[in-house]
Protein backbone atom coordinates (compact mmCIF):
# COMPACT_ATOMS: atom_id res chain seq x y z
CA MET A 1 0.00 0.01 -0.02
CA SER A 2 1.28 3.45 -0.79
CA SER A 3 -0.06 7.01 -0.92
CA LYS A 4 0.99 10.26 -2.47
CA SER A 5 -0.17 13.73 -1.47
CA ILE A 6 -0.67 16.32 -4.24
CA ARG A 7 -1.54 19.91 -3.59
CA ILE A 8 -3.58 21.66 -6.25
CA LEU A 9 -3.25 25.43 -5.87
CA GLN A 10 -6.25 27.68 -6.45
CA ARG A 11 -5.94 30.81 -8.64
CA PRO A 12 -8.46 33.51 -9.30
CA LEU A 13 -8.80 32.51 -12.98
CA ALA A 14 -8.70 28.72 -12.42
CA ASN A 15 -11.31 26.41 -13.75
CA ASN A 16 -12.12 22.73 -13.06
CA ASP A 17 -9.52 21.41 -15.61
CA PHE A 18 -6.01 20.63 -14.59
CA GLU A 19 -3.24 18.26 -15.69
CA LEU A 20 -1.72 15.82 -13.26
CA THR A 21 1.56 14.09 -14.06
CA PRO A 22 1.41 10.32 -13.46
CA ALA A 23 1.51 9.60 -9.71
CA LEU A 24 0.84 5.88 -9.80
CA ASP A 25 3.85 3.62 -9.96
CA MET A 26 2.83 0.00 -10.58
CA ASN A 27 6.37 -1.39 -10.81
CA GLY A 28 6.63 -4.54 -8.68
CA ILE A 29 2.91 -5.09 -8.36
CA PRO A 30 2.12 -8.70 -9.29
CA LEU A 31 -0.60 -10.00 -11.58
CA GLY A 32 -4.00 -10.08 -9.77
CA THR A 33 -6.82 -8.09 -8.32
CA CYS A 34 -5.90 -4.64 -7.08
CA MET A 35 -7.92 -1.94 -5.35
CA LEU A 36 -7.28 1.68 -6.25
CA ARG A 37 -8.65 4.50 -4.10
CA VAL A 38 -8.56 8.26 -4.67
CA GLU A 39 -9.35 10.60 -1.86
CA MET A 40 -9.62 14.31 -2.40
CA TYR A 41 -10.61 17.11 -0.10
CA GLU A 42 -11.09 20.82 -0.17
CA LEU A 43 -9.93 22.79 2.89
CA TRP A 44 -11.95 25.97 3.31
CA PHE A 45 -10.67 29.11 4.97
CA THR A 46 -12.98 28.29 7.90
CA GLY A 47 -11.01 25.08 8.46
CA GLU A 48 -13.92 22.94 7.28
CA ILE A 49 -12.96 19.92 5.11
CA PHE A 50 -15.13 18.65 2.23
CA PRO A 51 -13.98 15.14 1.29
CA ALA A 52 -14.68 13.00 -1.78
CA LYS A 53 -13.61 9.39 -2.19
CA LYS A 54 -13.71 6.92 -5.12
CA GLU A 55 -12.63 3.24 -5.11
CA LEU A 56 -12.09 0.86 -7.97
CA THR A 57 -11.25 -2.86 -7.97
CA THR A 58 -9.69 -4.17 -11.10
CA ASP A 59 -7.73 -7.16 -12.41
CA TYR A 60 -4.18 -5.92 -13.02
CA VAL A 61 -2.08 -7.31 -15.77
CA PRO A 62 1.54 -5.99 -15.82
CA GLN A 63 2.46 -4.29 -19.10
CA ARG A 64 6.04 -4.52 -20.48
């Protein structure tokens, strides 16, 4: 299991589109069923946190 934190900065002219460089390294993961989970949250100036979570289970086949 591993995790990676990514900070998305907000700008006055920002929209909902942004590009994310690959953050998932599957090297060393064996053939089989894997669960992927993405958790995102927005931290408001009041200190309130608005979370969102998505999980996916898939059969992983290593690519070479």
